[in-house]
C-alpha cells in the first residue's frame, strides 16, 4: 500500500512540475511574440494619435490576465497604456499629476502579474 501511495505522489509531483514548465515556456513565447510587434506598435501610434515625430515605446509586455500585448508610451504630457492586440486605448496619466502616474503604474503592475 505504501508503494502505491508513493508511486501516486511521485506521478503527481512529476505531472505538476511538467505543467509548471510548460506554462513558463508558453509565457516566455507570448512575451517574445509581443516584442516582435514593436514596429507595428509605433505605426499604430502614428495612425491613431496622428503623431509624426519621435515615437517612444517605453515598455512592451504580455498580460496573462488579459491575454494580450500592451505597450506604454510617453509623449507630450501624457503617459499612455495601449492594448495592441485588442487595438484599444486602455488608460493614461498626466505626467504632472503624481497620483495619476502612481495609479497607472499600479494598474500596469497588476496587468503584468504572472
PDB file of N, CA and C in Angstrom:
ATOM      1  N   UNK A   1       0.818  -1.189   0.000  1.00  0.00           N
ATOM      2  CA  UNK A   1       0.000   0.000   0.000  1.00  0.00           C
ATOM      3  C   UNK A   1       0.868   1.262   0.000  1.00  0.00           C
ATOM      4  N   UNK A   2       1.980   1.193   0.788  1.00  0.00           N
ATOM      5  CA  UNK A   2       2.895   2.333   0.826  1.00  0.00           C
ATOM      6  C   UNK A   2       3.479   2.611  -0.550  1.00  0.00           C
ATOM      7  N   UNK A   3       3.820   1.558  -1.268  1.00  0.00           N
ATOM      8  CA  UNK A   3       4.412   1.713  -2.597  1.00  0.00           C
ATOM      9  C   UNK A   3       3.420   2.374  -3.563  1.00  0.00           C
ATOM     10  N   UNK A   4       2.172   2.027  -3.444  1.00  0.00           N
ATOM     11  CA  UNK A   4       1.150   2.609  -4.321  1.00  0.00           C
ATOM     12  C   UNK A   4       1.006   4.101  -4.028  1.00  0.00           C
ATOM     13  N   UNK A   5       0.965   4.450  -2.762  1.00  0.00           N
ATOM     14  CA  UNK A   5       0.837   5.860  -2.371  1.00  0.00           C
ATOM     15  C   UNK A   5       2.067   6.648  -2.810  1.00  0.00           C
ATOM     16  N   UNK A   6       3.258   6.093  -2.600  1.00  0.00           N
ATOM     17  CA  UNK A   6       4.485   6.770  -3.019  1.00  0.00           C
ATOM     18  C   UNK A   6       4.539   6.924  -4.533  1.00  0.00           C
ATOM     19  N   UNK A   7       4.128   5.904  -5.254  1.00  0.00           N
ATOM     20  CA  UNK A   7       4.103   5.984  -6.719  1.00  0.00           C
ATOM     21  C   UNK A   7       3.128   7.063  -7.179  1.00  0.00           C
ATOM     22  N   UNK A   8       1.971   7.107  -6.535  1.00  0.00           N
ATOM     23  CA  UNK A   8       0.978   8.119  -6.879  1.00  0.00           C
ATOM     24  C   UNK A   8       1.524   9.526  -6.615  1.00  0.00           C
ATOM     25  N   UNK A   9       2.164   9.717  -5.472  1.00  0.00           N
ATOM     26  CA  UNK A   9       2.737  11.026  -5.140  1.00  0.00           C
ATOM     27  C   UNK A   9       3.851  11.405  -6.112  1.00  0.00           C
ATOM     28  N   UNK A  10       4.648  10.452  -6.514  1.00  0.00           N
ATOM     29  CA  UNK A  10       5.718  10.704  -7.473  1.00  0.00           C
ATOM     30  C   UNK A  10       5.134  11.127  -8.825  1.00  0.00           C
ATOM     31  N   UNK A  11       4.131  10.418  -9.285  1.00  0.00           N
ATOM     32  CA  UNK A  11       3.478  10.759 -10.557  1.00  0.00           C
ATOM     33  C   UNK A  11       2.844  12.140 -10.462  1.00  0.00           C
ATOM     34  N   UNK A  12       2.199  12.428  -9.367  1.00  0.00           N
ATOM     35  CA  UNK A  12       1.569  13.728  -9.161  1.00  0.00           C
ATOM     36  C   UNK A  12       2.603  14.847  -9.172  1.00  0.00           C
ATOM     37  N   UNK A  13       3.724  14.635  -8.520  1.00  0.00           N
ATOM     38  CA  UNK A  13       4.795  15.634  -8.464  1.00  0.00           C
ATOM     39  C   UNK A  13       5.386  15.874  -9.857  1.00  0.00           C
ATOM     40  N   UNK A  14       5.678  14.813 -10.571  1.00  0.00           N
ATOM     41  CA  UNK A  14       6.242  14.938 -11.919  1.00  0.00           C
ATOM     42  C   UNK A  14       5.256  15.653 -12.840  1.00  0.00           C
ATOM     43  N   UNK A  15       3.981  15.324 -12.738  1.00  0.00           N
ATOM     44  CA  UNK A  15       2.961  15.987 -13.568  1.00  0.00           C
ATOM     45  C   UNK A  15       2.886  17.469 -13.262  1.00  0.00           C
ATOM     46  N   UNK A  16       2.939  17.808 -11.981  1.00  0.00           N
ATOM     47  CA  UNK A  16       2.881  19.219 -11.588  1.00  0.00           C
ATOM     48  C   UNK A  16       4.099  19.980 -12.105  1.00  0.00           C
ATOM     49  N   UNK A  17       5.274  19.414 -11.962  1.00  0.00           N
ATOM     50  CA  UNK A  17       6.491  20.074 -12.442  1.00  0.00           C
ATOM     51  C   UNK A  17       6.476  20.232 -13.958  1.00  0.00           C
ATOM     52  N   UNK A  18       5.963  19.256 -14.647  1.00  0.00           N
ATOM     53  CA  UNK A  18       5.854  19.339 -16.100  1.00  0.00           C
ATOM     54  C   UNK A  18       4.880  20.439 -16.500  1.00  0.00           C
ATOM     55  N   UNK A  19       3.767  20.533 -15.803  1.00  0.00           N
ATOM     56  CA  UNK A  19       2.777  21.581 -16.074  1.00  0.00           C
ATOM     57  C   UNK A  19       3.369  22.962 -15.837  1.00  0.00           C
ATOM     58  N   UNK A  20       4.109  23.133 -14.735  1.00  0.00           N
ATOM     59  CA  UNK A  20       4.750  24.420 -14.435  1.00  0.00           C
ATOM     60  C   UNK A  20       5.736  24.807 -15.527  1.00  0.00           C
ATOM     61  N   UNK A  21       6.503  23.846 -15.978  1.00  0.00           N
ATOM     62  CA  UNK A  21       7.500  24.105 -17.011  1.00  0.00           C
ATOM     63  C   UNK A  21       6.836  24.516 -18.320  1.00  0.00           C
ATOM     64  N   UNK A  22       5.758  23.835 -18.699  1.00  0.00           N
ATOM     65  CA  UNK A  22       5.092  24.178 -19.957  1.00  0.00           C
ATOM     66  C   UNK A  22       4.435  25.548 -19.858  1.00  0.00           C
ATOM     67  N   UNK A  23       3.922  25.918 -18.682  1.00  0.00           N
ATOM     68  CA  UNK A  23       3.343  27.252 -18.504  1.00  0.00           C
ATOM     69  C   UNK A  23       4.412  28.333 -18.640  1.00  0.00           C
ATOM     70  N   UNK A  24       5.588  28.086 -18.100  1.00  0.00           N
ATOM     71  CA  UNK A  24       6.675  29.060 -18.212  1.00  0.00           C
ATOM     72  C   UNK A  24       7.115  29.199 -19.663  1.00  0.00           C
ATOM     73  N   UNK A  25       7.183  28.081 -20.384  1.00  0.00           N
ATOM     74  CA  UNK A  25       7.552  28.121 -21.800  1.00  0.00           C
ATOM     75  C   UNK A  25       6.532  28.917 -22.602  1.00  0.00           C
ATOM     76  N   UNK A  26       5.252  28.681 -22.334  1.00  0.00           N
ATOM     77  CA  UNK A  26       4.189  29.389 -23.044  1.00  0.00           C
ATOM     78  C   UNK A  26       4.240  30.884 -22.741  1.00  0.00           C
ATOM     79  N   UNK A  27       4.455  31.235 -21.487  1.00  0.00           N
ATOM     80  CA  UNK A  27       4.538  32.636 -21.090  1.00  0.00           C
ATOM     81  C   UNK A  27       5.727  33.314 -21.767  1.00  0.00           C
ATOM     82  N   UNK A  28       6.856  32.623 -21.814  1.00  0.00           N
ATOM     83  CA  UNK A  28       8.043  33.168 -22.482  1.00  0.00           C
ATOM     84  C   UNK A  28       7.753  33.417 -23.965  1.00  0.00           C
ATOM     85  N   UNK A  29       7.086  32.454 -24.610  1.00  0.00           N
ATOM     86  CA  UNK A  29       6.750  32.602 -26.031  1.00  0.00           C
ATOM     87  C   UNK A  29       5.821  33.793 -26.261  1.00  0.00           C
ATOM     88  N   UNK A  30       4.843  33.979 -25.385  1.00  0.00           N
ATOM     89  CA  UNK A  30       3.913  35.106 -25.517  1.00  0.00           C
ATOM     90  C   UNK A  30       4.662  36.434 -25.357  1.00  0.00           C
ATOM     91  N   UNK A  31       5.579  36.488 -24.403  1.00  0.00           N
ATOM     92  CA  UNK A  31       6.367  37.714 -24.200  1.00  0.00           C
ATOM     93  C   UNK A  31       7.211  38.021 -25.430  1.00  0.00           C
ATOM     94  N   UNK A  32       7.814  36.992 -26.007  1.00  0.00           N
ATOM     95  CA  UNK A  32       8.619  37.172 -27.216  1.00  0.00           C
ATOM     96  C   UNK A  32       7.747  37.641 -28.377  1.00  0.00           C
ATOM     97  N   UNK A  33       6.568  37.058 -28.506  1.00  0.00           N
ATOM     98  CA  UNK A  33       5.650  37.447 -29.570  1.00  0.00           C
ATOM     99  C   UNK A  33       5.297  38.934 -29.452  1.00  0.00           C
ATOM    100  N   UNK A  34       5.024  39.387 -28.247  1.00  0.00           N
ATOM    101  CA  UNK A  34       4.688  40.804 -28.041  1.00  0.00           C
ATOM    102  C   UNK A  34       5.841  41.708 -28.471  1.00  0.00           C
ATOM    103  N   UNK A  35       7.049  41.312 -28.182  1.00  0.00           N
ATOM    104  CA  UNK A  35       8.213  42.135 -28.536  1.00  0.00           C
ATOM    105  C   UNK A  35       8.358  42.256 -30.056  1.00  0.00           C
ATOM    106  N   UNK A  36       7.905  41.250 -30.785  1.00  0.00           N
ATOM    107  CA  UNK A  36       8.010  41.263 -32.249  1.00  0.00           C
ATOM    108  C   UNK A  36       7.095  42.313 -32.891  1.00  0.00           C
ATOM    109  N   UNK A  37       6.140  42.832 -32.154  1.00  0.00           N
ATOM    110  CA  UNK A  37       5.192  43.807 -32.685  1.00  0.00           C
ATOM    111  C   UNK A  37       5.666  45.258 -32.540  1.00  0.00           C
ATOM    112  N   UNK A  38       6.861  45.471 -32.074  1.00  0.00           N
ATOM    113  CA  UNK A  38       7.313  46.821 -31.753  1.00  0.00           C
ATOM    114  C   UNK A  38       7.159  47.810 -32.925  1.00  0.00           C
ATOM    115  N   UNK A  39       7.587  47.435 -34.116  1.00  0.00           N
ATOM    116  CA  UNK A  39       7.467  48.335 -35.271  1.00  0.00           C
ATOM    117  C   UNK A  39       6.012  48.646 -35.594  1.00  0.00           C
ATOM    118  N   UNK A  40       5.161  47.626 -35.518  1.00  0.00           N
ATOM    119  CA  UNK A  40       3.741  47.840 -35.788  1.00  0.00           C
ATOM    120  C   UNK A  40       3.104  48.720 -34.718  1.00  0.00           C
ATOM    121  N   UNK A  41       3.578  48.600 -33.489  1.00  0.00           N
ATOM    122  CA  UNK A  41       3.066  49.443 -32.409  1.00  0.00           C
ATOM    123  C   UNK A  41       3.387  50.915 -32.676  1.00  0.00           C
ATOM    124  N   UNK A  42       4.606  51.159 -33.146  1.00  0.00           N
ATOM    125  CA  UNK A  42       4.996  52.541 -33.463  1.00  0.00           C
ATOM    126  C   UNK A  42       4.123  53.090 -34.592  1.00  0.00           C
ATOM    127  N   UNK A  43       3.839  52.259 -35.597  1.00  0.00           N
ATOM    128  CA  UNK A  43       2.954  52.683 -36.692  1.00  0.00           C
ATOM    129  C   UNK A  43       1.549  52.969 -36.165  1.00  0.00           C
ATOM    130  N   UNK A  44       1.108  52.155 -35.242  1.00  0.00           N
ATOM    131  CA  UNK A  44      -0.218  52.329 -34.660  1.00  0.00           C
ATOM    132  C   UNK A  44      -0.329  53.677 -33.937  1.00  0.00           C
ATOM    133  N   UNK A  45       0.712  54.042 -33.231  1.00  0.00           N
ATOM    134  CA  UNK A  45       0.711  55.331 -32.535  1.00  0.00           C
ATOM    135  C   UNK A  45       0.577  56.464 -33.550  1.00  0.00           C
ATOM    136  N   UNK A  46       1.325  56.384 -34.620  1.00  0.00           N
ATOM    137  CA  UNK A  46       1.265  57.430 -35.658  1.00  0.00           C
ATOM    138  C   UNK A  46      -0.139  57.517 -36.252  1.00  0.00           C
ATOM    139  N   UNK A  47      -0.729  56.368 -36.571  1.00  0.00           N
ATOM    140  CA  UNK A  47      -2.049  56.355 -37.200  1.00  0.00           C
ATOM    141  C   UNK A  47      -3.154  56.810 -36.247  1.00  0.00           C
ATOM    142  N   UNK A  48      -3.141  56.305 -35.030  1.00  0.00           N
ATOM    143  CA  UNK A  48      -4.214  56.623 -34.092  1.00  0.00           C
ATOM    144  C   UNK A  48      -4.123  58.026 -33.516  1.00  0.00           C
ATOM    145  N   UNK A  49      -2.925  58.434 -33.206  1.00  0.00           N
ATOM    146  CA  UNK A  49      -2.749  59.695 -32.496  1.00  0.00           C
ATOM    147  C   UNK A  49      -2.257  60.809 -33.410  1.00  0.00           C
ATOM    148  N   UNK A  50      -2.070  60.472 -34.685  1.00  0.00           N
ATOM    149  CA  UNK A  50      -1.618  61.462 -35.680  1.00  0.00           C
ATOM    150  C   UNK A  50      -0.307  62.132 -35.256  1.00  0.00           C
ATOM    151  N   UNK A  51       0.560  61.323 -34.701  1.00  0.00           N
ATOM    152  CA  UNK A  51       1.873  61.814 -34.283  1.00  0.00           C
ATOM    153  C   UNK A  51       2.891  61.441 -35.349  1.00  0.00           C
ATOM    154  N   UNK A  52       3.634  62.396 -35.805  1.00  0.00           N
ATOM    155  CA  UNK A  52       4.626  62.129 -36.848  1.00  0.00           C
ATOM    156  C   UNK A  52       6.033  62.499 -36.403  1.00  0.00           C
ATOM    157  N   UNK A  53       6.196  62.690 -35.138  1.00  0.00           N
ATOM    158  CA  UNK A  53       7.514  62.976 -34.605  1.00  0.00           C
ATOM    159  C   UNK A  53       7.950  61.810 -33.745  1.00  0.00           C
ATOM    160  N   UNK A  54       9.044  61.962 -33.089  1.00  0.00           N
ATOM    161  CA  UNK A  54       9.671  60.845 -32.368  1.00  0.00           C
ATOM    162  C   UNK A  54       8.671  60.051 -31.528  1.00  0.00           C
ATOM    163  N   UNK A  55       8.589  58.802 -31.828  1.00  0.00           N
ATOM    164  CA  UNK A  55       7.721  57.885 -31.095  1.00  0.00           C
ATOM    165  C   UNK A  55       8.597  57.086 -30.142  1.00  0.00           C
ATOM    166  N   UNK A  56       8.190  57.054 -28.914  1.00  0.00           N
ATOM    167  CA  UNK A  56       8.963  56.308 -27.935  1.00  0.00           C
ATOM    168  C   UNK A  56       8.059  55.299 -27.238  1.00  0.00           C
ATOM    169  N   UNK A  57       8.297  54.034 -27.508  1.00  0.00           N
ATOM    170  CA  UNK A  57       7.595  52.985 -26.784  1.00  0.00           C
ATOM    171  C   UNK A  57       8.478  52.631 -25.600  1.00  0.00           C
ATOM    172  N   UNK A  58       7.947  52.899 -24.418  1.00  0.00           N
ATOM    173  CA  UNK A  58       8.733  52.695 -23.211  1.00  0.00           C
ATOM    174  C   UNK A  58       8.827  51.231 -22.811  1.00  0.00           C
ATOM    175  N   UNK A  59       7.701  50.548 -22.910  1.00  0.00           N
ATOM    176  CA  UNK A  59       7.660  49.174 -22.423  1.00  0.00           C
ATOM    177  C   UNK A  59       6.641  48.378 -23.233  1.00  0.00           C
ATOM    178  N   UNK A  60       6.992  47.141 -23.489  1.00  0.00           N
ATOM    179  CA  UNK A  60       6.084  46.200 -24.138  1.00  0.00           C
ATOM    180  C   UNK A  60       6.001  44.992 -23.219  1.00  0.00           C
ATOM    181  N   UNK A  61       4.780  44.555 -22.957  1.00  0.00           N
ATOM    182  CA  UNK A  61       4.655  43.384 -22.086  1.00  0.00           C
ATOM    183  C   UNK A  61       3.399  42.587 -22.422  1.00  0.00           C
ATOM    184  N   UNK A  62       3.452  41.319 -22.065  1.00  0.00           N
ATOM    185  CA  UNK A  62       2.310  40.424 -22.228  1.00  0.00           C
ATOM    186  C   UNK A  62       1.551  40.373 -20.916  1.00  0.00           C
ATOM    187  N   UNK A  63       0.251  40.493 -20.982  1.00  0.00           N
ATOM    188  CA  UNK A  63      -0.589  40.364 -19.798  1.00  0.00           C
ATOM    189  C   UNK A  63      -1.292  39.020 -19.841  1.00  0.00           C
ATOM    190  N   UNK A  64      -0.887  38.147 -18.938  1.00  0.00           N
ATOM    191  CA  UNK A  64      -1.543  36.847 -18.847  1.00  0.00           C
ATOM    192  C   UNK A  64      -2.985  37.040 -18.376  1.00  0.00           C
ATOM    193  N   UNK A  65      -3.190  38.044 -17.552  1.00  0.00           N
ATOM    194  CA  UNK A  65      -4.522  38.340 -17.027  1.00  0.00           C
ATOM    195  C   UNK A  65      -5.502  38.639 -18.160  1.00  0.00           C
ATOM    196  N   UNK A  66      -5.095  39.468 -19.126  1.00  0.00           N
ATOM    197  CA  UNK A  66      -5.966  39.865 -20.231  1.00  0.00           C
ATOM    198  C   UNK A  66      -5.657  39.138 -21.533  1.00  0.00           C
ATOM    199  N   UNK A  67      -4.622  38.303 -21.533  1.00  0.00           N
ATOM    200  CA  UNK A  67      -4.199  37.556 -22.723  1.00  0.00           C
ATOM    201  C   UNK A  67      -4.005  38.485 -23.927  1.00  0.00           C
ATOM    202  N   UNK A  68      -3.210  39.526 -23.718  1.00  0.00           N
ATOM    203  CA  UNK A  68      -2.937  40.481 -24.792  1.00  0.00           C
ATOM    204  C   UNK A  68      -1.574  41.123 -24.588  1.00  0.00           C
ATOM    205  N   UNK A  69      -1.127  41.827 -25.610  1.00  0.00           N
ATOM    206  CA  UNK A  69       0.119  42.587 -25.538  1.00  0.00           C
ATOM    207  C   UNK A  69      -0.216  44.052 -25.272  1.00  0.00           C
ATOM    208  N   UNK A  70       0.461  44.627 -24.318  1.00  0.00           N
ATOM    209  CA  UNK A  70       0.318  46.044 -24.010  1.00  0.00           C
ATOM    210  C   UNK A  70       1.623  46.758 -24.320  1.00  0.00           C
ATOM    211  N   UNK A  71       1.501  48.045 -24.576  1.00  0.00           N
ATOM    212  CA  UNK A  71       2.692  48.881 -24.610  1.00  0.00           C
ATOM    213  C   UNK A  71       2.397  50.194 -23.925  1.00  0.00           C
ATOM    214  N   UNK A  72       3.449  50.788 -23.413  1.00  0.00           N
ATOM    215  CA  UNK A  72       3.328  52.106 -22.807  1.00  0.00           C
ATOM    216  C   UNK A  72       4.163  53.070 -23.640  1.00  0.00           C
ATOM    217  N   UNK A  73       3.689  54.297 -23.696  1.00  0.00           N
ATOM    218  CA  UNK A  73       4.391  55.313 -24.464  1.00  0.00           C
ATOM    219  C   UNK A  73       4.236  56.650 -23.759  1.00  0.00           C
ATOM    220  N   UNK A  74       5.263  57.455 -23.852  1.00  0.00           N
ATOM    221  CA  UNK A  74       5.242  58.774 -23.260  1.00  0.00           C
ATOM    222  C   UNK A  74       5.373  59.796 -24.375  1.00  0.00           C
ATOM    223  N   UNK A  75       4.495  60.762 -24.414  1.00  0.00           N
ATOM    224  CA  UNK A  75       4.617  61.864 -25.352  1.00  0.00           C
ATOM    225  C   UNK A  75       3.839  63.054 -24.829  1.00  0.00           C
ATOM    226  N   UNK A  76       4.260  64.220 -25.239  1.00  0.00           N
ATOM    227  CA  UNK A  76       3.725  65.491 -24.743  1.00  0.00           C
ATOM    228  C   UNK A  76       3.726  65.440 -23.223  1.00  0.00           C
ATOM    229  N   UNK A  77       2.568  65.517 -22.597  1.00  0.00           N
ATOM    230  CA  UNK A  77       2.491  65.462 -21.136  1.00  0.00           C
ATOM    231  C   UNK A  77       1.722  64.242 -20.650  1.00  0.00           C
ATOM    232  N   UNK A  78       1.688  63.224 -21.479  1.00  0.00           N
ATOM    233  CA  UNK A  78       0.899  62.038 -21.152  1.00  0.00           C
ATOM    234  C   UNK A  78       1.710  60.761 -21.221  1.00  0.00           C
ATOM    235  N   UNK A  79       1.333  59.850 -20.363  1.00  0.00           N
ATOM    236  CA  UNK A  79       1.882  58.510 -20.331  1.00  0.00           C
ATOM    237  C   UNK A  79       0.692  57.609 -20.646  1.00  0.00           C
ATOM    238  N   UNK A  80       0.748  56.840 -21.745  1.00  0.00           N
ATOM    239  CA  UNK A  80      -0.404  56.045 -22.152  1.00  0.00           C
ATOM    240  C   UNK A  80      -0.136  54.542 -22.039  1.00  0.00           C
ATOM    241  N   UNK A  81      -1.209  53.809 -21.882  1.00  0.00           N
ATOM    242  CA  UNK A  81      -1.198  52.352 -21.866  1.00  0.00           C
ATOM    243  C   UNK A  81      -2.157  51.911 -22.959  1.00  0.00           C
ATOM    244  N   UNK A  82      -1.664  51.084 -23.880  1.00  0.00           N
ATOM    245  CA  UNK A  82      -2.471  50.677 -25.026  1.00  0.00           C
ATOM    246  C   UNK A  82      -2.469  49.165 -25.178  1.00  0.00           C
ATOM    247  N   UNK A  83      -3.632  48.612 -25.433  1.00  0.00           N
ATOM    248  CA  UNK A  83      -3.797  47.182 -25.710  1.00  0.00           C
ATOM    249  C   UNK A  83      -3.598  46.991 -27.211  1.00  0.00           C
ATOM    250  N   UNK A  84      -2.448  46.478 -27.586  1.00  0.00           N
ATOM    251  CA  UNK A  84      -2.118  46.351 -29.009  1.00  0.00           C
ATOM    252  C   UNK A  84      -3.011  45.336 -29.727  1.00  0.00           C
ATOM    253  N   UNK A  85      -3.132  44.134 -29.196  1.00  0.00           N
ATOM    254  CA  UNK A  85      -3.895  43.102 -29.885  1.00  0.00           C
ATOM    255  C   UNK A  85      -5.385  43.427 -29.909  1.00  0.00           C
ATOM    256  N   UNK A  86      -5.867  44.082 -28.871  1.00  0.00           N
ATOM    257  CA  UNK A  86      -7.261  44.497 -28.829  1.00  0.00           C
ATOM    258  C   UNK A  86      -7.512  45.784 -29.589  1.00  0.00           C
ATOM    259  N   UNK A  87      -6.422  46.429 -30.011  1.00  0.00           N
ATOM    260  CA  UNK A  87      -6.472  47.682 -30.753  1.00  0.00           C
ATOM    261  C   UNK A  87      -7.320  48.727 -30.028  1.00  0.00           C
ATOM    262  N   UNK A  88      -7.015  48.884 -28.723  1.00  0.00           N
ATOM    263  CA  UNK A  88      -7.793  49.861 -27.973  1.00  0.00           C
ATOM    264  C   UNK A  88      -6.947  50.549 -26.902  1.00  0.00           C
ATOM    265  N   UNK A  89      -7.269  51.799 -26.720  1.00  0.00           N
ATOM    266  CA  UNK A  89      -6.670  52.600 -25.678  1.00  0.00           C
ATOM    267  C   UNK A  89      -7.104  52.018 -24.339  1.00  0.00           C
ATOM    268  N   UNK A  90      -6.184  51.867 -23.419  1.00  0.00           N
ATOM    269  CA  UNK A  90      -6.520  51.273 -22.133  1.00  0.00           C
ATOM    270  C   UNK A  90      -6.568  52.304 -21.006  1.00  0.00           C
ATOM    271  N   UNK A  91      -5.554  53.170 -20.936  1.00  0.00           N
ATOM    272  CA  UNK A  91      -5.516  54.144 -19.846  1.00  0.00           C
ATOM    273  C   UNK A  91      -4.422  55.161 -20.123  1.00  0.00           C
ATOM    274  N   UNK A  92      -4.442  56.233 -19.362  1.00  0.00           N
ATOM    275  CA  UNK A  92      -3.389  57.243 -19.475  1.00  0.00           C
ATOM    276  C   UNK A  92      -3.249  57.975 -18.149  1.00  0.00           C
ATOM    277  N   UNK A  93      -2.157  58.712 -18.050  1.00  0.00           N
ATOM    278  CA  UNK A  93      -1.915  59.520 -16.860  1.00  0.00           C
ATOM    279  C   UNK A  93      -1.164  60.776 -17.272  1.00  0.00           C
ATOM    280  N   UNK A  94      -1.530  61.858 -16.656  1.00  0.00           N
ATOM    281  CA  UNK A  94      -0.827  63.114 -16.886  1.00  0.00           C
ATOM    282  C   UNK A  94       0.483  63.076 -16.104  1.00  0.00           C
ATOM    283  N   UNK A  95       1.572  63.442 -16.761  1.00  0.00           N
ATOM    284  CA  UNK A  95       2.867  63.379 -16.064  1.00  0.00           C
ATOM    285  C   UNK A  95       2.987  64.437 -14.982  1.00  0.00           C
ATOM    286  N   UNK A  96       2.105  65.411 -14.989  1.00  0.00           N
ATOM    287  CA  UNK A  96       2.159  66.449 -13.962  1.00  0.00           C
ATOM    288  C   UNK A  96       1.363  66.072 -12.718  1.00  0.00           C
ATOM    289  N   UNK A  97       0.645  64.957 -12.759  1.00  0.00           N
ATOM    290  CA  UNK A  97      -0.162  64.515 -11.635  1.00  0.00           C
ATOM    291  C   UNK A  97       0.442  63.233 -11.059  1.00  0.00           C
ATOM    292  N   UNK A  98       1.162  63.355  -9.963  1.00  0.00           N
ATOM    293  CA  UNK A  98       1.865  62.209  -9.383  1.00  0.00           C
ATOM    294  C   UNK A  98       0.921  61.095  -8.935  1.00  0.00           C
ATOM    295  N   UNK A  99      -0.250  61.457  -8.436  1.00  0.00           N
ATOM    296  CA  UNK A  99      -1.218  60.426  -8.036  1.00  0.00           C
ATOM    297  C   UNK A  99      -1.720  59.652  -9.253  1.00  0.00           C
ATOM    298  N   UNK A 100      -1.913  60.360 -10.354  1.00  0.00           N
ATOM    299  CA  UNK A 100      -2.360  59.737 -11.596  1.00  0.00           C
ATOM    300  C   UNK A 100      -1.297  58.763 -12.120  1.00  0.00           C
ATOM    301  N   UNK A 101      -0.054  59.185 -12.089  1.00  0.00           N
ATOM    302  CA  UNK A 101       1.057  58.315 -12.518  1.00  0.00           C
ATOM    303  C   UNK A 101       1.135  57.082 -11.623  1.00  0.00           C
ATOM    304  N   UNK A 102       1.019  57.288 -10.334  1.00  0.00           N
ATOM    305  CA  UNK A 102       1.081  56.167  -9.387  1.00  0.00           C
ATOM    306  C   UNK A 102      -0.051  55.171  -9.660  1.00  0.00           C
ATOM    307  N   UNK A 103      -1.254  55.674  -9.915  1.00  0.00           N
ATOM    308  CA  UNK A 103      -2.398  54.824 -10.220  1.00  0.00           C
ATOM    309  C   UNK A 103      -2.138  53.986 -11.473  1.00  0.00           C
ATOM    310  N   UNK A 104      -1.615  54.634 -12.521  1.00  0.00           N
ATOM    311  CA  UNK A 104      -1.344  53.920 -13.766  1.00  0.00           C
ATOM    312  C   UNK A 104      -0.237  52.885 -13.578  1.00  0.00           C
ATOM    313  N   UNK A 105       0.780  53.226 -12.837  1.00  0.00           N
ATOM    314  CA  UNK A 105       1.868  52.258 -12.590  1.00  0.00           C
ATOM    315  C   UNK A 105       1.347  51.034 -11.829  1.00  0.00           C
ATOM    316  N   UNK A 106       0.428  51.247 -10.903  1.00  0.00           N
ATOM    317  CA  UNK A 106      -0.175  50.128 -10.167  1.00  0.00           C
ATOM    318  C   UNK A 106      -1.004  49.253 -11.104  1.00  0.00           C
ATOM    319  N   UNK A 107      -1.723  49.883 -12.010  1.00  0.00           N
ATOM    320  CA  UNK A 107      -2.520  49.127 -12.986  1.00  0.00           C
ATOM    321  C   UNK A 107      -1.607  48.277 -13.866  1.00  0.00           C
ATOM    322  N   UNK A 108      -0.503  48.860 -14.309  1.00  0.00           N
ATOM    323  CA  UNK A 108       0.451  48.122 -15.145  1.00  0.00           C
ATOM    324  C   UNK A 108       1.038  46.946 -14.369  1.00  0.00           C
ATOM    325  N   UNK A 109       1.369  47.189 -13.132  1.00  0.00           N
ATOM    326  CA  UNK A 109       1.921  46.125 -12.277  1.00  0.00           C
ATOM    327  C   UNK A 109       0.913  44.976 -12.150  1.00  0.00           C
ATOM    328  N   UNK A 110      -0.354  45.311 -12.000  1.00  0.00           N
ATOM    329  CA  UNK A 110      -1.401  44.302 -11.897  1.00  0.00           C
ATOM    330  C   UNK A 110      -1.548  43.508 -13.209  1.00  0.00           C
ATOM    331  N   UNK A 111      -1.473  44.213 -14.323  1.00  0.00           N
ATOM    332  CA  UNK A 111      -1.600  43.548 -15.628  1.00  0.00           C
ATOM    333  C   UNK A 111      -0.422  42.619 -15.909  1.00  0.00           C
ATOM    334  N   UNK A 112       0.747  42.958 -15.406  1.00  0.00           N
ATOM    335  CA  UNK A 112       1.944  42.157 -15.649  1.00  0.00           C
ATOM    336  C   UNK A 112       2.064  40.978 -14.700  1.00  0.00           C
ATOM    337  N   UNK A 113       1.244  40.927 -13.698  1.00  0.00           N
ATOM    338  CA  UNK A 113       1.338  39.861 -12.696  1.00  0.00           C
ATOM    339  C   UNK A 113       1.266  38.508 -13.356  1.00  0.00           C
ATOM    340  N   UNK A 114       2.154  37.637 -12.904  1.00  0.00           N
ATOM    341  CA  UNK A 114       2.220  36.296 -13.501  1.00  0.00           C
ATOM    342  C   UNK A 114       1.923  35.238 -12.482  1.00  0.00           C
TER     343      UNK A 114
END
